[in-house]
Amino acid sequence: MSTKGTAAKSASGAAMSKYDVEVEARLQALEAKASAPAPVAGGDTSELEAKLDTLIGILKSSFPQEFKNKDI
């Protein structure tokens, strides 16, 4: 008794193994992620600047001799 095959088909019509189907799905996901637009740099930096100023203040108060003659 013969049964009809249910293997997936590639774009060219060739049969694909279960492994091939999994690899193809992963490849398509990676390609979709790679084609997504990159985040834009140069946004609002005020929060980061405030954190940096706080850190500099802490370092100056903890190590006054290190920052005695430095303009930071």
Protein backbone atom coordinates (compact mmCIF):
# COMPACT_ATOMS: atom_id res chain seq x y z
CA MET A 1 0.00 0.00 0.00
CA SER A 2 1.47 3.31 -0.98
CA THR A 3 0.90 6.60 0.72
CA LYS A 4 1.20 10.04 -0.73
CA GLY A 5 4.27 11.97 0.53
CA THR A 6 3.68 15.06 2.57
CA ALA A 7 7.16 16.56 2.37
CA ALA A 8 7.38 20.33 2.12
CA LYS A 9 8.34 21.80 -1.22
CA SER A 10 11.01 24.40 -1.87
CA ALA A 11 10.50 27.41 -4.15
CA SER A 12 11.79 25.29 -7.04
CA GLY A 13 9.39 22.48 -6.20
CA ALA A 14 11.98 20.10 -4.77
CA ALA A 15 11.04 18.09 -1.69
CA MET A 16 12.44 19.42 1.59
CA SER A 17 13.26 17.39 4.68
CA LYS A 18 11.99 18.41 8.12
CA TYR A 19 15.47 19.76 8.85
CA ASP A 20 15.48 21.78 5.63
CA VAL A 21 12.11 23.30 6.54
CA GLU A 22 13.41 24.28 9.99
CA VAL A 23 16.60 25.80 8.56
CA GLU A 24 14.62 27.71 5.95
CA ALA A 25 12.31 29.15 8.63
CA ARG A 26 15.29 30.26 10.71
CA LEU A 27 16.97 31.81 7.69
CA GLN A 28 13.83 33.75 6.77
CA ALA A 29 13.54 35.02 10.36
CA LEU A 30 17.17 36.18 10.33
CA GLU A 31 16.74 37.88 6.97
CA ALA A 32 13.62 39.68 8.20
CA LYS A 33 15.46 40.85 11.32
CA ALA A 34 18.46 42.01 9.27
CA SER A 35 16.28 44.05 6.94
CA ALA A 36 14.55 45.87 9.81
CA PRO A 37 15.63 49.50 10.11
CA ALA A 38 18.41 50.21 12.59
CA PRO A 39 17.63 52.38 15.61
CA VAL A 40 18.30 56.04 15.05
CA ALA A 41 21.13 57.51 17.09
CA GLY A 42 21.22 61.04 18.42
CA GLY A 43 17.99 61.08 20.39
CA ASP A 44 17.39 62.88 23.67
CA THR A 45 20.50 62.51 25.81
CA SER A 46 19.46 64.67 28.77
CA GLU A 47 18.74 61.66 31.02
CA LEU A 48 22.12 60.14 30.24
CA GLU A 49 23.86 63.49 30.85
CA ALA A 50 22.14 63.82 34.23
CA LYS A 51 23.28 60.33 35.25
CA LEU A 52 26.82 61.12 34.15
CA ASP A 53 26.85 64.39 36.11
CA THR A 54 25.64 62.51 39.20
CA LEU A 55 28.38 59.92 38.78
CA ILE A 56 31.04 62.61 38.36
CA GLY A 57 29.79 64.30 41.54
CA ILE A 58 30.02 61.05 43.48
CA LEU A 59 33.54 60.39 42.22
CA LYS A 60 34.67 63.95 43.05
CA SER A 61 33.34 63.68 46.59
CA SER A 62 34.80 60.20 47.11
CA PHE A 63 38.23 61.02 45.65
CA PRO A 64 38.79 64.78 46.14
CA GLN A 65 42.57 64.54 45.74
CA GLU A 66 42.22 62.88 42.34
CA PHE A 67 40.04 65.71 41.02
CA LYS A 68 41.74 68.61 42.84
CA ASN A 69 43.28 70.26 39.76
CA LYS A 70 41.11 68.76 37.07
CA ASP A 71 38.31 70.61 35.28
CA ILE A 72 35.69 67.89 34.93
